[in-house]
Amino acid sequence: MSTQPDPTPEEAARALRDVERRRVQAAEGSGGARWVYMVLGVAVFLLLAAPDWVDDIAQAGVSIAFAALAIAYALLLRTRRGSALLGHRTGAREEELDRSYMRRRRLTLLSVMALGLVVSVLGTRFSLDTPYWRSGVGVLLGGALTLLGPTWDQAVRARAVRGAHPAGADPGASR
């Protein structure tokens, strides 16, 4: 028998809110280091700007280097030491992830990749007659990834946790 009194409903609700807040904080805090987003932003710029500045052979080298970087990044994320090297402190357990959100996220990523493939194929067929347009797009996308990458990553990780509420929102308020 326990000699401690049962918690009041207010104390129990506060404890549940604290647990939920800590779950979301753990998910938000699991993102990568800032330097990773800087490297990826520069890589995206180089990939997109290469056709404006170098010949076809060098452009193929840039594409291969970008593919190698993407593969290395994905492989490092799959190991504990690799994740630590990339600045990921924690990771959400599989059972805590919202499966429908993760499915929508994967479909969105696949859609963006398909759109990029279509644009790249059409880009070889048509000329925009605008010099260095690829470099401009590279600056915009690489800069967005560098500046906003950590914020986007944090938001996605917090949303991916099943039952997570936006930061600062009261979980009891939606009932």
N, C-alpha and C. Protein backbone atom coordinates (compact mmCIF):
# COMPACT_ATOMS: atom_id res chain seq x y z
N MET A 1 0.83 -1.18 0.00
CA MET A 1 0.00 0.00 0.00
C MET A 1 0.87 1.25 0.00
N SER A 2 0.44 2.19 -0.76
CA SER A 2 1.16 3.45 -0.85
C SER A 2 0.62 4.42 0.19
N THR A 3 1.55 5.13 0.82
CA THR A 3 1.15 6.11 1.82
C THR A 3 1.02 7.51 1.23
N GLN A 4 1.38 7.66 -0.05
CA GLN A 4 1.28 8.97 -0.68
C GLN A 4 -0.14 9.19 -1.17
N PRO A 5 -0.64 10.42 -1.01
CA PRO A 5 -2.00 10.70 -1.48
C PRO A 5 -2.03 10.77 -3.01
N ASP A 6 -3.20 10.47 -3.57
CA ASP A 6 -3.37 10.56 -5.02
C ASP A 6 -3.25 12.01 -5.45
N PRO A 7 -2.69 12.24 -6.65
CA PRO A 7 -2.58 13.64 -7.11
C PRO A 7 -3.96 14.21 -7.44
N THR A 8 -4.05 15.49 -7.28
CA THR A 8 -5.30 16.16 -7.65
C THR A 8 -5.42 16.17 -9.17
N PRO A 9 -6.61 16.39 -9.71
CA PRO A 9 -6.76 16.44 -11.17
C PRO A 9 -5.90 17.53 -11.81
N GLU A 10 -5.73 18.64 -11.13
CA GLU A 10 -4.89 19.72 -11.66
C GLU A 10 -3.43 19.29 -11.73
N GLU A 11 -2.96 18.60 -10.68
CA GLU A 11 -1.58 18.12 -10.67
C GLU A 11 -1.36 17.07 -11.75
N ALA A 12 -2.32 16.19 -11.93
CA ALA A 12 -2.20 15.16 -12.97
C ALA A 12 -2.19 15.80 -14.36
N ALA A 13 -3.06 16.79 -14.59
CA ALA A 13 -3.09 17.47 -15.88
C ALA A 13 -1.79 18.21 -16.14
N ARG A 14 -1.24 18.85 -15.10
CA ARG A 14 0.03 19.56 -15.25
C ARG A 14 1.15 18.58 -15.56
N ALA A 15 1.16 17.43 -14.91
CA ALA A 15 2.19 16.41 -15.16
C ALA A 15 2.10 15.90 -16.60
N LEU A 16 0.88 15.68 -17.09
CA LEU A 16 0.72 15.23 -18.48
C LEU A 16 1.17 16.29 -19.48
N ARG A 17 0.86 17.56 -19.19
CA ARG A 17 1.33 18.65 -20.07
C ARG A 17 2.85 18.71 -20.08
N ASP A 18 3.48 18.51 -18.91
CA ASP A 18 4.94 18.54 -18.83
C ASP A 18 5.55 17.39 -19.63
N VAL A 19 4.95 16.22 -19.55
CA VAL A 19 5.45 15.07 -20.31
C VAL A 19 5.35 15.36 -21.81
N GLU A 20 4.20 15.89 -22.24
CA GLU A 20 4.00 16.21 -23.65
C GLU A 20 5.00 17.28 -24.11
N ARG A 21 5.19 18.30 -23.29
CA ARG A 21 6.13 19.37 -23.64
C ARG A 21 7.54 18.82 -23.77
N ARG A 22 7.92 17.92 -22.90
CA ARG A 22 9.27 17.35 -22.96
C ARG A 22 9.44 16.44 -24.18
N ARG A 23 8.37 15.72 -24.57
CA ARG A 23 8.44 14.90 -25.78
C ARG A 23 8.70 15.78 -27.01
N VAL A 24 7.96 16.89 -27.09
CA VAL A 24 8.14 17.79 -28.23
C VAL A 24 9.52 18.44 -28.18
N GLN A 25 9.97 18.84 -26.99
CA GLN A 25 11.30 19.42 -26.86
C GLN A 25 12.38 18.44 -27.29
N ALA A 26 12.21 17.18 -26.92
CA ALA A 26 13.19 16.16 -27.32
C ALA A 26 13.22 16.00 -28.83
N ALA A 27 12.04 16.02 -29.46
CA ALA A 27 11.98 15.91 -30.92
C ALA A 27 12.60 17.13 -31.58
N GLU A 28 12.30 18.32 -31.06
CA GLU A 28 12.85 19.54 -31.64
C GLU A 28 14.36 19.62 -31.47
N GLY A 29 14.85 19.09 -30.36
CA GLY A 29 16.28 19.17 -30.08
C GLY A 29 17.11 18.12 -30.77
N SER A 30 16.48 17.29 -31.60
CA SER A 30 17.22 16.20 -32.21
C SER A 30 17.77 16.56 -33.58
N GLY A 31 17.61 17.79 -34.02
CA GLY A 31 18.06 18.20 -35.34
C GLY A 31 19.57 18.26 -35.45
N GLY A 32 20.04 18.44 -36.66
CA GLY A 32 21.46 18.45 -36.94
C GLY A 32 22.14 19.76 -36.60
N ALA A 33 23.46 19.74 -36.74
CA ALA A 33 24.27 20.92 -36.47
C ALA A 33 24.12 21.95 -37.60
N ARG A 34 24.34 23.19 -37.27
CA ARG A 34 24.20 24.29 -38.24
C ARG A 34 25.14 24.12 -39.43
N TRP A 35 26.36 23.62 -39.18
CA TRP A 35 27.33 23.48 -40.26
C TRP A 35 26.85 22.50 -41.33
N VAL A 36 26.04 21.52 -40.95
CA VAL A 36 25.52 20.56 -41.92
C VAL A 36 24.64 21.27 -42.94
N TYR A 37 23.79 22.17 -42.49
CA TYR A 37 22.92 22.91 -43.39
C TYR A 37 23.72 23.87 -44.26
N MET A 38 24.80 24.40 -43.73
CA MET A 38 25.65 25.27 -44.53
C MET A 38 26.32 24.48 -45.65
N VAL A 39 26.85 23.30 -45.33
CA VAL A 39 27.48 22.46 -46.35
C VAL A 39 26.46 22.05 -47.41
N LEU A 40 25.27 21.63 -46.97
CA LEU A 40 24.24 21.23 -47.93
C LEU A 40 23.78 22.41 -48.80
N GLY A 41 23.67 23.60 -48.21
CA GLY A 41 23.29 24.78 -48.99
C GLY A 41 24.33 25.12 -50.05
N VAL A 42 25.61 25.05 -49.69
CA VAL A 42 26.68 25.31 -50.67
C VAL A 42 26.66 24.24 -51.75
N ALA A 43 26.42 22.98 -51.37
CA ALA A 43 26.37 21.89 -52.35
C ALA A 43 25.22 22.08 -53.33
N VAL A 44 24.05 22.50 -52.83
CA VAL A 44 22.91 22.75 -53.71
C VAL A 44 23.23 23.90 -54.66
N PHE A 45 23.86 24.96 -54.16
CA PHE A 45 24.25 26.07 -55.03
C PHE A 45 25.20 25.60 -56.13
N LEU A 46 26.23 24.84 -55.74
CA LEU A 46 27.21 24.36 -56.72
C LEU A 46 26.56 23.45 -57.76
N LEU A 47 25.66 22.60 -57.34
CA LEU A 47 24.99 21.70 -58.27
C LEU A 47 24.16 22.48 -59.29
N LEU A 48 23.43 23.48 -58.81
CA LEU A 48 22.57 24.24 -59.71
C LEU A 48 23.34 25.24 -60.57
N ALA A 49 24.42 25.80 -60.02
CA ALA A 49 25.17 26.81 -60.76
C ALA A 49 26.21 26.22 -61.70
N ALA A 50 26.53 24.96 -61.56
CA ALA A 50 27.59 24.34 -62.38
C ALA A 50 27.37 24.52 -63.89
N PRO A 51 26.15 24.33 -64.41
CA PRO A 51 25.99 24.49 -65.86
C PRO A 51 26.30 25.90 -66.37
N ASP A 52 26.19 26.90 -65.52
CA ASP A 52 26.47 28.28 -65.94
C ASP A 52 27.97 28.58 -65.97
N TRP A 53 28.77 27.82 -65.27
CA TRP A 53 30.17 28.20 -65.08
C TRP A 53 31.20 27.21 -65.61
N VAL A 54 30.84 25.94 -65.71
CA VAL A 54 31.84 24.94 -66.09
C VAL A 54 31.35 24.14 -67.30
N ASP A 55 32.27 23.38 -67.89
CA ASP A 55 31.91 22.57 -69.05
C ASP A 55 31.17 21.30 -68.61
N ASP A 56 30.77 20.51 -69.57
CA ASP A 56 29.95 19.33 -69.30
C ASP A 56 30.68 18.29 -68.44
N ILE A 57 31.98 18.14 -68.64
CA ILE A 57 32.74 17.14 -67.87
C ILE A 57 32.80 17.54 -66.40
N ALA A 58 33.08 18.81 -66.14
CA ALA A 58 33.11 19.29 -64.75
C ALA A 58 31.72 19.25 -64.13
N GLN A 59 30.70 19.52 -64.93
CA GLN A 59 29.33 19.48 -64.43
C GLN A 59 28.98 18.06 -64.01
N ALA A 60 29.42 17.06 -64.75
CA ALA A 60 29.19 15.66 -64.37
C ALA A 60 29.90 15.35 -63.06
N GLY A 61 31.10 15.89 -62.89
CA GLY A 61 31.83 15.70 -61.63
C GLY A 61 31.11 16.31 -60.44
N VAL A 62 30.54 17.50 -60.64
CA VAL A 62 29.77 18.14 -59.57
C VAL A 62 28.54 17.30 -59.22
N SER A 63 27.87 16.78 -60.23
CA SER A 63 26.69 15.94 -59.98
C SER A 63 27.06 14.67 -59.22
N ILE A 64 28.17 14.05 -59.59
CA ILE A 64 28.62 12.84 -58.90
C ILE A 64 29.01 13.16 -57.47
N ALA A 65 29.69 14.27 -57.27
CA ALA A 65 30.07 14.67 -55.91
C ALA A 65 28.84 14.95 -55.06
N PHE A 66 27.82 15.59 -55.64
CA PHE A 66 26.59 15.86 -54.90
C PHE A 66 25.89 14.56 -54.54
N ALA A 67 25.83 13.62 -55.46
CA ALA A 67 25.21 12.32 -55.19
C ALA A 67 25.98 11.59 -54.07
N ALA A 68 27.30 11.65 -54.11
CA ALA A 68 28.11 11.02 -53.06
C ALA A 68 27.85 11.67 -51.71
N LEU A 69 27.73 12.99 -51.69
CA LEU A 69 27.43 13.71 -50.45
C LEU A 69 26.06 13.29 -49.91
N ALA A 70 25.07 13.19 -50.77
CA ALA A 70 23.73 12.79 -50.35
C ALA A 70 23.73 11.37 -49.80
N ILE A 71 24.44 10.47 -50.44
CA ILE A 71 24.51 9.08 -49.97
C ILE A 71 25.25 9.01 -48.63
N ALA A 72 26.36 9.73 -48.52
CA ALA A 72 27.10 9.74 -47.26
C ALA A 72 26.24 10.30 -46.12
N TYR A 73 25.50 11.35 -46.39
CA TYR A 73 24.62 11.95 -45.39
C TYR A 73 23.57 10.94 -44.93
N ALA A 74 22.94 10.26 -45.89
CA ALA A 74 21.91 9.27 -45.55
C ALA A 74 22.51 8.11 -44.76
N LEU A 75 23.69 7.65 -45.14
CA LEU A 75 24.33 6.55 -44.41
C LEU A 75 24.75 6.97 -43.01
N LEU A 76 25.26 8.17 -42.86
CA LEU A 76 25.67 8.65 -41.54
C LEU A 76 24.46 8.78 -40.60
N LEU A 77 23.33 9.18 -41.14
CA LEU A 77 22.13 9.32 -40.31
C LEU A 77 21.63 7.97 -39.78
N ARG A 78 22.01 6.88 -40.42
CA ARG A 78 21.52 5.56 -40.02
C ARG A 78 22.33 4.93 -38.90
N THR A 79 23.46 5.53 -38.53
CA THR A 79 24.26 4.98 -37.44
C THR A 79 24.31 5.97 -36.29
N ARG A 80 24.55 5.44 -35.11
CA ARG A 80 24.59 6.30 -33.93
C ARG A 80 25.78 7.26 -33.98
N ARG A 81 26.94 6.74 -34.35
CA ARG A 81 28.13 7.61 -34.42
C ARG A 81 28.02 8.63 -35.54
N GLY A 82 27.48 8.20 -36.67
CA GLY A 82 27.29 9.13 -37.78
C GLY A 82 26.33 10.24 -37.42
N SER A 83 25.24 9.89 -36.76
CA SER A 83 24.29 10.91 -36.32
C SER A 83 24.92 11.88 -35.34
N ALA A 84 25.73 11.36 -34.44
CA ALA A 84 26.42 12.24 -33.49
C ALA A 84 27.39 13.17 -34.22
N LEU A 85 28.06 12.66 -35.25
CA LEU A 85 28.97 13.49 -36.04
C LEU A 85 28.22 14.63 -36.73
N LEU A 86 27.01 14.34 -37.17
CA LEU A 86 26.19 15.35 -37.83
C LEU A 86 25.46 16.26 -36.85
N GLY A 87 25.63 16.03 -35.56
CA GLY A 87 25.04 16.91 -34.56
C GLY A 87 23.69 16.49 -34.05
N HIS A 88 23.22 15.31 -34.41
CA HIS A 88 21.93 14.82 -33.91
C HIS A 88 22.14 14.24 -32.52
N ARG A 89 21.48 14.84 -31.54
CA ARG A 89 21.67 14.42 -30.16
C ARG A 89 20.78 13.24 -29.78
N THR A 90 19.55 13.26 -30.24
CA THR A 90 18.60 12.20 -29.90
C THR A 90 17.79 11.85 -31.13
N GLY A 91 17.02 10.82 -31.01
CA GLY A 91 16.13 10.44 -32.09
C GLY A 91 14.83 9.92 -31.51
N ALA A 92 13.75 10.16 -32.19
CA ALA A 92 12.46 9.66 -31.74
C ALA A 92 12.37 8.16 -32.02
N ARG A 93 11.75 7.46 -31.12
CA ARG A 93 11.54 6.04 -31.34
C ARG A 93 10.50 5.85 -32.43
N GLU A 94 10.61 4.76 -33.15
CA GLU A 94 9.72 4.48 -34.28
C GLU A 94 8.24 4.51 -33.88
N GLU A 95 7.93 3.97 -32.70
CA GLU A 95 6.53 3.91 -32.28
C GLU A 95 5.97 5.27 -31.89
N GLU A 96 6.83 6.27 -31.69
CA GLU A 96 6.35 7.61 -31.35
C GLU A 96 6.03 8.45 -32.58
N LEU A 97 6.41 7.99 -33.76
CA LEU A 97 6.21 8.78 -34.97
C LEU A 97 4.79 8.63 -35.51
N ASP A 98 4.25 9.70 -36.01
CA ASP A 98 2.94 9.73 -36.62
C ASP A 98 3.07 9.15 -38.04
N ARG A 99 2.58 7.96 -38.25
CA ARG A 99 2.77 7.24 -39.52
C ARG A 99 2.13 7.97 -40.70
N SER A 100 0.95 8.53 -40.52
CA SER A 100 0.31 9.21 -41.65
C SER A 100 1.10 10.47 -42.03
N TYR A 101 1.62 11.17 -41.05
CA TYR A 101 2.43 12.36 -41.35
C TYR A 101 3.71 11.95 -42.08
N MET A 102 4.36 10.87 -41.62
CA MET A 102 5.59 10.42 -42.26
C MET A 102 5.32 9.98 -43.70
N ARG A 103 4.18 9.35 -43.94
CA ARG A 103 3.82 8.92 -45.29
C ARG A 103 3.61 10.15 -46.18
N ARG A 104 2.88 11.16 -45.68
CA ARG A 104 2.69 12.40 -46.46
C ARG A 104 4.03 13.09 -46.72
N ARG A 105 4.91 13.06 -45.74
CA ARG A 105 6.23 13.69 -45.90
C ARG A 105 7.02 12.99 -47.00
N ARG A 106 7.01 11.66 -47.00
CA ARG A 106 7.73 10.92 -48.05
C ARG A 106 7.13 11.19 -49.43
N LEU A 107 5.79 11.22 -49.52
CA LEU A 107 5.15 11.51 -50.80
C LEU A 107 5.49 12.92 -51.29
N THR A 108 5.56 13.86 -50.36
CA THR A 108 5.93 15.23 -50.74
C THR A 108 7.36 15.27 -51.26
N LEU A 109 8.28 14.59 -50.56
CA LEU A 109 9.67 14.55 -51.02
C LEU A 109 9.79 13.90 -52.39
N LEU A 110 9.07 12.81 -52.60
CA LEU A 110 9.09 12.15 -53.91
C LEU A 110 8.51 13.06 -54.99
N SER A 111 7.48 13.81 -54.67
CA SER A 111 6.89 14.74 -55.63
C SER A 111 7.87 15.85 -56.00
N VAL A 112 8.57 16.36 -55.01
CA VAL A 112 9.56 17.41 -55.27
C VAL A 112 10.69 16.86 -56.13
N MET A 113 11.13 15.63 -55.83
CA MET A 113 12.19 15.02 -56.63
C MET A 113 11.72 14.79 -58.07
N ALA A 114 10.47 14.34 -58.25
CA ALA A 114 9.94 14.12 -59.60
C ALA A 114 9.84 15.45 -60.35
N LEU A 115 9.38 16.49 -59.67
CA LEU A 115 9.29 17.80 -60.29
C LEU A 115 10.68 18.29 -60.71
N GLY A 116 11.67 18.08 -59.84
CA GLY A 116 13.04 18.46 -60.19
C GLY A 116 13.56 17.70 -61.40
N LEU A 117 13.22 16.43 -61.50
CA LEU A 117 13.63 15.63 -62.65
C LEU A 117 12.97 16.15 -63.93
N VAL A 118 11.67 16.45 -63.85
CA VAL A 118 10.96 16.98 -65.02
C VAL A 118 11.54 18.33 -65.44
N VAL A 119 11.80 19.20 -64.47
CA VAL A 119 12.37 20.51 -64.79
C VAL A 119 13.75 20.37 -65.40
N SER A 120 14.56 19.44 -64.88
CA SER A 120 15.91 19.27 -65.43
C SER A 120 15.85 18.72 -66.86
N VAL A 121 14.92 17.81 -67.13
CA VAL A 121 14.79 17.28 -68.49
C VAL A 121 14.28 18.37 -69.43
N LEU A 122 13.26 19.11 -68.99
CA LEU A 122 12.74 20.19 -69.82
C LEU A 122 13.76 21.31 -70.00
N GLY A 123 14.60 21.52 -68.97
CA GLY A 123 15.63 22.56 -69.06
C GLY A 123 16.64 22.29 -70.15
N THR A 124 16.86 21.02 -70.49
CA THR A 124 17.78 20.70 -71.59
C THR A 124 17.11 20.87 -72.94
N ARG A 125 15.78 20.87 -72.96
CA ARG A 125 15.03 21.00 -74.23
C ARG A 125 14.72 22.46 -74.58
N PHE A 126 14.59 23.30 -73.58
CA PHE A 126 14.21 24.69 -73.81
C PHE A 126 15.29 25.62 -73.25
N SER A 127 15.41 26.76 -73.87
CA SER A 127 16.35 27.76 -73.38
C SER A 127 15.56 28.97 -72.88
N LEU A 128 15.89 29.44 -71.69
CA LEU A 128 15.20 30.60 -71.14
C LEU A 128 15.79 31.91 -71.65
N ASP A 129 16.92 31.84 -72.31
CA ASP A 129 17.61 33.03 -72.81
C ASP A 129 17.90 34.04 -71.71
N THR A 130 18.01 33.56 -70.50
CA THR A 130 18.38 34.41 -69.37
C THR A 130 19.72 33.90 -68.86
N PRO A 131 20.75 34.73 -68.98
CA PRO A 131 22.06 34.25 -68.54
C PRO A 131 22.12 34.04 -67.02
N TYR A 132 22.78 32.98 -66.65
CA TYR A 132 23.05 32.65 -65.24
C TYR A 132 21.80 32.47 -64.40
N TRP A 133 20.69 32.05 -65.00
CA TRP A 133 19.48 31.84 -64.23
C TRP A 133 19.63 30.68 -63.26
N ARG A 134 20.41 29.68 -63.65
CA ARG A 134 20.64 28.55 -62.74
C ARG A 134 21.40 28.99 -61.50
N SER A 135 22.33 29.90 -61.67
CA SER A 135 23.08 30.42 -60.52
C SER A 135 22.16 31.18 -59.57
N GLY A 136 21.23 31.94 -60.14
CA GLY A 136 20.27 32.66 -59.30
C GLY A 136 19.37 31.71 -58.51
N VAL A 137 18.91 30.66 -59.18
CA VAL A 137 18.09 29.67 -58.49
C VAL A 137 18.92 28.96 -57.42
N GLY A 138 20.18 28.68 -57.73
CA GLY A 138 21.08 28.05 -56.76
C GLY A 138 21.30 28.91 -55.53
N VAL A 139 21.46 30.21 -55.74
CA VAL A 139 21.62 31.13 -54.61
C VAL A 139 20.36 31.13 -53.74
N LEU A 140 19.19 31.18 -54.38
CA LEU A 140 17.94 31.19 -53.62
C LEU A 140 17.73 29.90 -52.84
N LEU A 141 17.86 28.76 -53.50
CA LEU A 141 17.61 27.49 -52.83
C LEU A 141 18.71 27.15 -51.82
N GLY A 142 19.96 27.37 -52.19
CA GLY A 142 21.06 27.11 -51.25
C GLY A 142 21.00 28.03 -50.05
N GLY A 143 20.66 29.31 -50.29
CA GLY A 143 20.52 30.25 -49.18
C GLY A 143 19.37 29.90 -48.27
N ALA A 144 18.24 29.48 -48.87
CA ALA A 144 17.09 29.08 -48.05
C ALA A 144 17.43 27.87 -47.20
N LEU A 145 18.14 26.90 -47.77
CA LEU A 145 18.53 25.72 -47.01
C LEU A 145 19.49 26.09 -45.89
N THR A 146 20.43 26.96 -46.18
CA THR A 146 21.40 27.37 -45.17
C THR A 146 20.75 28.15 -44.03
N LEU A 147 19.90 29.10 -44.37
CA LEU A 147 19.30 29.96 -43.35
C LEU A 147 18.10 29.34 -42.65
N LEU A 148 17.26 28.64 -43.39
CA LEU A 148 16.01 28.13 -42.83
C LEU A 148 16.02 26.64 -42.54
N GLY A 149 17.06 25.93 -42.96
CA GLY A 149 17.13 24.48 -42.77
C GLY A 149 16.93 24.03 -41.33
N PRO A 150 17.65 24.61 -40.37
CA PRO A 150 17.45 24.18 -38.98
C PRO A 150 16.03 24.42 -38.48
N THR A 151 15.42 25.53 -38.87
CA THR A 151 14.06 25.83 -38.44
C THR A 151 13.07 24.85 -39.04
N TRP A 152 13.23 24.56 -40.35
CA TRP A 152 12.35 23.59 -41.00
C TRP A 152 12.52 22.21 -40.37
N ASP A 153 13.75 21.82 -40.15
CA ASP A 153 14.02 20.51 -39.57
C ASP A 153 13.39 20.38 -38.19
N GLN A 154 13.53 21.41 -37.39
CA GLN A 154 12.95 21.41 -36.05
C GLN A 154 11.43 21.30 -36.11
N ALA A 155 10.80 22.03 -37.01
CA ALA A 155 9.34 21.99 -37.14
C ALA A 155 8.87 20.62 -37.60
N VAL A 156 9.57 20.04 -38.56
CA VAL A 156 9.18 18.72 -39.07
C VAL A 156 9.34 17.67 -37.98
N ARG A 157 10.43 17.72 -37.24
CA ARG A 157 10.66 16.73 -36.18
C ARG A 157 9.62 16.85 -35.08
N ALA A 158 9.26 18.07 -34.72
CA ALA A 158 8.24 18.25 -33.68
C ALA A 158 6.89 17.76 -34.17
N ARG A 159 6.57 17.99 -35.43
CA ARG A 159 5.27 17.57 -35.97
C ARG A 159 5.22 16.05 -36.16
N ALA A 160 6.35 15.43 -36.43
CA ALA A 160 6.38 13.99 -36.70
C ALA A 160 6.08 13.15 -35.46
N VAL A 161 6.27 13.72 -34.27
CA VAL A 161 6.00 12.97 -33.05
C VAL A 161 4.50 12.83 -32.88
N ARG A 162 4.06 11.60 -32.73
CA ARG A 162 2.62 11.32 -32.63
C ARG A 162 2.01 12.09 -31.47
N GLY A 163 0.92 12.78 -31.76
CA GLY A 163 0.20 13.50 -30.72
C GLY A 163 0.85 14.81 -30.32
N ALA A 164 1.91 15.23 -31.01
CA ALA A 164 2.59 16.47 -30.64
C ALA A 164 1.72 17.67 -30.98
N HIS A 165 1.82 18.67 -30.16
CA HIS A 165 1.11 19.92 -30.37
C HIS A 165 2.15 20.99 -30.67
N PRO A 166 1.77 22.05 -31.39
CA PRO A 166 2.72 23.13 -31.65
C PRO A 166 3.30 23.68 -30.36
N ALA A 167 4.54 24.13 -30.45
CA ALA A 167 5.22 24.65 -29.26
C ALA A 167 4.41 25.77 -28.64
N GLY A 168 4.23 25.70 -27.34
CA GLY A 168 3.51 26.73 -26.62
C GLY A 168 2.01 26.49 -26.54
N ALA A 169 1.50 25.51 -27.31
CA ALA A 169 0.07 25.26 -27.28
C ALA A 169 -0.26 24.36 -26.10
N ASP A 170 -1.42 24.57 -25.55
CA ASP A 170 -1.87 23.77 -24.42
C ASP A 170 -2.54 22.51 -24.96
N PRO A 171 -1.99 21.31 -24.67
CA PRO A 171 -2.58 20.10 -25.20
C PRO A 171 -4.01 19.89 -24.74
N GLY A 172 -4.39 20.39 -23.61
CA GLY A 172 -5.75 20.23 -23.11
C GLY A 172 -6.73 21.18 -23.78
N ALA A 173 -6.23 22.21 -24.45
CA ALA A 173 -7.11 23.22 -25.04
C ALA A 173 -7.86 22.70 -26.26
N SER A 174 -7.34 21.66 -26.93
CA SER A 174 -7.99 21.17 -28.14
C SER A 174 -9.11 20.21 -27.84
N ARG A 175 -9.33 19.85 -26.60
CA ARG A 175 -10.39 18.89 -26.24
C ARG A 175 -11.67 19.58 -25.90
